[in-house]
């Protein structure tokens, strides 16, 4: 059971480290390109029902370079998995019983 606990702790630490690295990379990119910090988003249930935020709804939300890079990487990983699964993976179902 200690091995399962160790794997869980390592996975959590790796995920937190990756989140920190991606946040740092995004902030560094924004600082280098001179992009201002994004406006805080309001969740739909906290928005006014009297149309006081009409300008907010019309603002253009750009996709950041980090978001674009992550989407492209996820798409490439999915395509690579599909190619491996359909063309290179061994069959999980054997050839069947022999008729000898």
N, C-alpha and C. Protein backbone atom coordinates (compact mmCIF):
# COMPACT_ATOMS: atom_id res chain seq x y z
N UNK A 1 0.83 -1.19 0.00
CA UNK A 1 0.00 0.00 0.00
C UNK A 1 0.88 1.26 0.00
N UNK A 2 2.08 1.14 0.52
CA UNK A 2 2.96 2.31 0.54
C UNK A 2 3.39 2.70 -0.88
N UNK A 3 3.47 1.72 -1.78
CA UNK A 3 3.82 2.03 -3.16
C UNK A 3 2.71 2.85 -3.83
N UNK A 4 1.46 2.50 -3.55
CA UNK A 4 0.33 3.26 -4.11
C UNK A 4 0.35 4.68 -3.56
N UNK A 5 0.61 4.81 -2.27
CA UNK A 5 0.68 6.14 -1.66
C UNK A 5 1.81 6.96 -2.26
N UNK A 6 2.96 6.32 -2.47
CA UNK A 6 4.11 7.01 -3.05
C UNK A 6 3.81 7.48 -4.48
N UNK A 7 3.18 6.62 -5.27
CA UNK A 7 2.81 7.00 -6.64
C UNK A 7 1.83 8.16 -6.62
N UNK A 8 0.87 8.13 -5.72
CA UNK A 8 -0.11 9.22 -5.62
C UNK A 8 0.57 10.53 -5.25
N UNK A 9 1.48 10.49 -4.29
CA UNK A 9 2.18 11.70 -3.87
C UNK A 9 3.04 12.25 -5.01
N UNK A 10 3.72 11.36 -5.72
CA UNK A 10 4.57 11.81 -6.83
C UNK A 10 3.72 12.41 -7.96
N UNK A 11 2.58 11.79 -8.26
CA UNK A 11 1.70 12.34 -9.30
C UNK A 11 1.15 13.71 -8.92
N UNK A 12 0.74 13.87 -7.67
CA UNK A 12 0.24 15.17 -7.21
C UNK A 12 1.35 16.22 -7.29
N UNK A 13 2.55 15.85 -6.84
CA UNK A 13 3.67 16.79 -6.89
C UNK A 13 4.02 17.16 -8.33
N UNK A 14 4.00 16.18 -9.23
CA UNK A 14 4.30 16.45 -10.63
C UNK A 14 3.24 17.37 -11.25
N UNK A 15 1.98 17.14 -10.92
CA UNK A 15 0.91 17.99 -11.45
C UNK A 15 1.03 19.42 -10.92
N UNK A 16 1.30 19.57 -9.64
CA UNK A 16 1.47 20.91 -9.08
C UNK A 16 2.68 21.62 -9.68
N UNK A 17 3.76 20.88 -9.88
CA UNK A 17 4.95 21.48 -10.51
C UNK A 17 4.64 21.91 -11.94
N UNK A 18 3.91 21.09 -12.68
CA UNK A 18 3.55 21.44 -14.05
C UNK A 18 2.65 22.66 -14.10
N UNK A 19 1.70 22.74 -13.17
CA UNK A 19 0.83 23.92 -13.10
C UNK A 19 1.64 25.16 -12.82
N UNK A 20 2.58 25.06 -11.89
CA UNK A 20 3.43 26.20 -11.56
C UNK A 20 4.28 26.61 -12.75
N UNK A 21 4.88 25.64 -13.45
CA UNK A 21 5.73 25.95 -14.61
C UNK A 21 4.91 26.60 -15.73
N UNK A 22 3.71 26.09 -16.00
CA UNK A 22 2.87 26.68 -17.04
C UNK A 22 2.42 28.09 -16.67
N UNK A 23 2.08 28.31 -15.41
CA UNK A 23 1.72 29.66 -14.96
C UNK A 23 2.88 30.62 -15.09
N UNK A 24 4.06 30.16 -14.69
CA UNK A 24 5.26 30.99 -14.82
C UNK A 24 5.55 31.32 -16.28
N UNK A 25 5.43 30.31 -17.17
CA UNK A 25 5.68 30.53 -18.59
C UNK A 25 4.67 31.52 -19.17
N UNK A 26 3.42 31.40 -18.77
CA UNK A 26 2.39 32.31 -19.26
C UNK A 26 2.64 33.74 -18.79
N UNK A 27 2.99 33.91 -17.52
CA UNK A 27 3.28 35.25 -16.99
C UNK A 27 4.52 35.85 -17.64
N UNK A 28 5.54 35.02 -17.87
CA UNK A 28 6.75 35.50 -18.52
C UNK A 28 6.46 35.93 -19.96
N UNK A 29 5.67 35.13 -20.67
CA UNK A 29 5.31 35.48 -22.05
C UNK A 29 4.52 36.79 -22.08
N UNK A 30 3.57 36.94 -21.16
CA UNK A 30 2.79 38.18 -21.11
C UNK A 30 3.67 39.38 -20.80
N UNK A 31 4.66 39.20 -19.93
CA UNK A 31 5.56 40.31 -19.60
C UNK A 31 6.46 40.67 -20.78
N UNK A 32 6.93 39.67 -21.51
CA UNK A 32 7.81 39.92 -22.65
C UNK A 32 7.06 40.60 -23.79
N UNK A 33 5.84 40.15 -24.05
CA UNK A 33 5.06 40.72 -25.16
C UNK A 33 4.34 42.00 -24.77
N UNK A 34 4.34 42.33 -23.48
CA UNK A 34 3.69 43.57 -23.05
C UNK A 34 2.18 43.48 -22.98
N UNK A 35 1.64 42.28 -22.87
CA UNK A 35 0.19 42.12 -22.76
C UNK A 35 -0.25 42.49 -21.35
N UNK A 36 -1.32 43.22 -21.24
CA UNK A 36 -1.82 43.54 -19.89
C UNK A 36 -2.48 42.30 -19.28
N UNK A 37 -2.60 42.31 -17.97
CA UNK A 37 -3.28 41.21 -17.29
C UNK A 37 -4.74 41.18 -17.71
N UNK A 38 -5.31 40.00 -17.79
CA UNK A 38 -6.70 39.87 -18.22
C UNK A 38 -7.63 40.33 -17.11
N UNK A 39 -8.81 40.73 -17.50
CA UNK A 39 -9.82 41.17 -16.55
C UNK A 39 -10.41 39.94 -15.88
N UNK A 40 -10.74 40.08 -14.62
CA UNK A 40 -11.34 38.98 -13.90
C UNK A 40 -12.68 38.63 -14.52
N UNK A 41 -12.94 37.37 -14.72
CA UNK A 41 -14.19 36.94 -15.33
C UNK A 41 -15.28 36.80 -14.27
N UNK A 42 -16.48 37.15 -14.67
CA UNK A 42 -17.62 37.02 -13.78
C UNK A 42 -18.41 35.79 -14.18
N UNK A 43 -18.72 34.98 -13.20
CA UNK A 43 -19.50 33.78 -13.48
C UNK A 43 -20.93 34.19 -13.81
N UNK A 44 -21.63 33.41 -14.62
CA UNK A 44 -22.96 33.81 -15.08
C UNK A 44 -23.96 34.08 -13.96
N UNK A 45 -23.89 33.33 -12.87
CA UNK A 45 -24.89 33.53 -11.82
C UNK A 45 -24.64 34.77 -10.98
N UNK A 46 -23.48 35.43 -11.18
CA UNK A 46 -23.21 36.67 -10.47
C UNK A 46 -23.38 37.91 -11.37
N UNK A 47 -23.72 37.69 -12.61
CA UNK A 47 -23.91 38.83 -13.52
C UNK A 47 -25.25 39.50 -13.27
N UNK A 48 -25.28 40.78 -13.58
CA UNK A 48 -26.49 41.55 -13.38
C UNK A 48 -27.53 41.16 -14.41
N UNK A 49 -28.78 41.15 -13.99
CA UNK A 49 -29.88 40.82 -14.90
C UNK A 49 -30.43 42.07 -15.59
N UNK A 50 -29.89 43.24 -15.27
CA UNK A 50 -30.40 44.49 -15.83
C UNK A 50 -29.56 45.00 -16.98
N UNK A 51 -28.74 44.18 -17.55
CA UNK A 51 -27.92 44.54 -18.72
C UNK A 51 -26.95 45.66 -18.39
N UNK A 52 -26.44 45.69 -17.17
CA UNK A 52 -25.47 46.71 -16.80
C UNK A 52 -24.09 46.42 -17.38
N UNK A 53 -23.85 45.21 -17.77
CA UNK A 53 -22.53 44.82 -18.26
C UNK A 53 -22.55 44.54 -19.76
N UNK A 54 -23.23 45.35 -20.52
CA UNK A 54 -23.32 45.15 -21.96
C UNK A 54 -21.94 45.26 -22.59
N UNK A 55 -21.14 46.20 -22.15
CA UNK A 55 -19.80 46.35 -22.71
C UNK A 55 -18.92 45.15 -22.39
N UNK A 56 -19.11 44.58 -21.22
CA UNK A 56 -18.31 43.42 -20.84
C UNK A 56 -18.60 42.25 -21.78
N UNK A 57 -19.85 42.06 -22.12
CA UNK A 57 -20.22 40.96 -23.00
C UNK A 57 -19.65 41.15 -24.40
N UNK A 58 -19.43 42.37 -24.81
CA UNK A 58 -18.94 42.64 -26.16
C UNK A 58 -17.43 42.62 -26.26
N UNK A 59 -16.74 42.53 -25.11
CA UNK A 59 -15.29 42.51 -25.15
C UNK A 59 -14.80 41.25 -25.84
N UNK A 60 -13.71 41.42 -26.55
CA UNK A 60 -13.13 40.26 -27.24
C UNK A 60 -12.16 39.56 -26.32
N UNK A 61 -12.35 38.26 -26.14
CA UNK A 61 -11.46 37.46 -25.33
C UNK A 61 -10.52 36.73 -26.26
N UNK A 62 -9.25 37.08 -26.19
CA UNK A 62 -8.27 36.45 -27.06
C UNK A 62 -7.73 35.19 -26.42
N UNK A 63 -7.36 34.25 -27.26
CA UNK A 63 -6.73 33.04 -26.79
C UNK A 63 -5.24 33.34 -26.61
N UNK A 64 -4.72 33.01 -25.44
CA UNK A 64 -3.31 33.29 -25.18
C UNK A 64 -2.43 32.27 -25.89
N UNK A 65 -1.16 32.58 -26.00
CA UNK A 65 -0.22 31.67 -26.65
C UNK A 65 -0.12 30.37 -25.88
N UNK A 66 -0.17 30.43 -24.57
CA UNK A 66 -0.10 29.22 -23.76
C UNK A 66 -1.31 28.33 -24.02
N UNK A 67 -2.49 28.91 -24.06
CA UNK A 67 -3.70 28.12 -24.33
C UNK A 67 -3.64 27.49 -25.72
N UNK A 68 -3.19 28.25 -26.70
CA UNK A 68 -3.06 27.73 -28.06
C UNK A 68 -2.07 26.57 -28.10
N UNK A 69 -0.93 26.74 -27.41
CA UNK A 69 0.09 25.70 -27.40
C UNK A 69 -0.43 24.43 -26.71
N UNK A 70 -1.15 24.57 -25.60
CA UNK A 70 -1.69 23.41 -24.91
C UNK A 70 -2.73 22.68 -25.75
N UNK A 71 -3.58 23.40 -26.45
CA UNK A 71 -4.59 22.76 -27.30
C UNK A 71 -3.92 21.99 -28.44
N UNK A 72 -2.90 22.59 -29.05
CA UNK A 72 -2.19 21.92 -30.14
C UNK A 72 -1.49 20.66 -29.62
N UNK A 73 -0.85 20.75 -28.45
CA UNK A 73 -0.17 19.59 -27.89
C UNK A 73 -1.15 18.47 -27.55
N UNK A 74 -2.29 18.80 -26.98
CA UNK A 74 -3.28 17.78 -26.66
C UNK A 74 -3.80 17.13 -27.94
N UNK A 75 -4.05 17.92 -28.97
CA UNK A 75 -4.50 17.35 -30.24
C UNK A 75 -3.44 16.42 -30.84
N UNK A 76 -2.17 16.81 -30.78
CA UNK A 76 -1.10 15.95 -31.29
C UNK A 76 -0.98 14.65 -30.50
N UNK A 77 -1.14 14.73 -29.19
CA UNK A 77 -1.07 13.53 -28.36
C UNK A 77 -2.24 12.60 -28.67
N UNK A 78 -3.42 13.14 -28.87
CA UNK A 78 -4.58 12.31 -29.21
C UNK A 78 -4.36 11.64 -30.56
N UNK A 79 -3.87 12.36 -31.54
CA UNK A 79 -3.60 11.77 -32.86
C UNK A 79 -2.52 10.70 -32.75
N UNK A 80 -1.46 10.96 -31.98
CA UNK A 80 -0.40 9.96 -31.80
C UNK A 80 -0.95 8.71 -31.11
N UNK A 81 -1.81 8.89 -30.12
CA UNK A 81 -2.40 7.73 -29.46
C UNK A 81 -3.26 6.94 -30.43
N UNK A 82 -4.06 7.62 -31.24
CA UNK A 82 -4.91 6.93 -32.20
C UNK A 82 -4.08 6.13 -33.20
N UNK A 83 -3.00 6.72 -33.70
CA UNK A 83 -2.13 6.01 -34.65
C UNK A 83 -1.52 4.78 -33.97
N UNK A 84 -1.02 4.95 -32.75
CA UNK A 84 -0.44 3.81 -32.04
C UNK A 84 -1.49 2.74 -31.79
N UNK A 85 -2.67 3.14 -31.33
CA UNK A 85 -3.71 2.18 -30.96
C UNK A 85 -4.17 1.36 -32.16
N UNK A 86 -4.38 2.02 -33.29
CA UNK A 86 -4.94 1.30 -34.43
C UNK A 86 -3.89 0.60 -35.30
N UNK A 87 -2.64 1.07 -35.28
CA UNK A 87 -1.66 0.50 -36.19
C UNK A 87 -0.51 -0.24 -35.51
N UNK A 88 -0.12 0.10 -34.31
CA UNK A 88 1.08 -0.46 -33.71
C UNK A 88 0.86 -1.26 -32.43
N UNK A 89 -0.28 -1.12 -31.79
CA UNK A 89 -0.47 -1.83 -30.52
C UNK A 89 -0.78 -3.30 -30.78
N UNK A 90 -0.31 -4.16 -29.89
CA UNK A 90 -0.66 -5.57 -30.05
C UNK A 90 -2.13 -5.78 -29.70
N UNK A 91 -2.71 -6.77 -30.28
CA UNK A 91 -4.12 -7.03 -30.06
C UNK A 91 -4.35 -7.55 -28.65
N UNK A 92 -5.26 -6.95 -27.89
CA UNK A 92 -5.53 -7.45 -26.56
C UNK A 92 -6.31 -8.78 -26.62
N UNK A 93 -6.91 -9.05 -27.73
CA UNK A 93 -7.63 -10.30 -27.93
C UNK A 93 -6.73 -11.21 -28.73
N UNK A 94 -6.45 -12.34 -28.20
CA UNK A 94 -5.55 -13.28 -28.86
C UNK A 94 -6.15 -13.78 -30.17
N UNK A 95 -5.39 -14.58 -30.88
CA UNK A 95 -5.89 -15.10 -32.15
C UNK A 95 -7.01 -16.10 -31.98
N UNK A 96 -7.33 -16.44 -30.74
CA UNK A 96 -8.42 -17.38 -30.50
C UNK A 96 -7.87 -18.77 -30.20
N UNK A 97 -8.76 -19.66 -29.84
CA UNK A 97 -8.30 -21.01 -29.53
C UNK A 97 -7.83 -21.74 -30.80
N UNK A 98 -6.79 -22.49 -30.63
CA UNK A 98 -6.30 -23.23 -31.81
C UNK A 98 -7.17 -24.44 -32.02
N UNK A 99 -7.28 -24.88 -33.26
CA UNK A 99 -8.15 -25.99 -33.62
C UNK A 99 -7.33 -27.25 -33.89
N UNK A 100 -6.20 -27.37 -33.18
CA UNK A 100 -5.35 -28.55 -33.38
C UNK A 100 -5.97 -29.78 -32.85
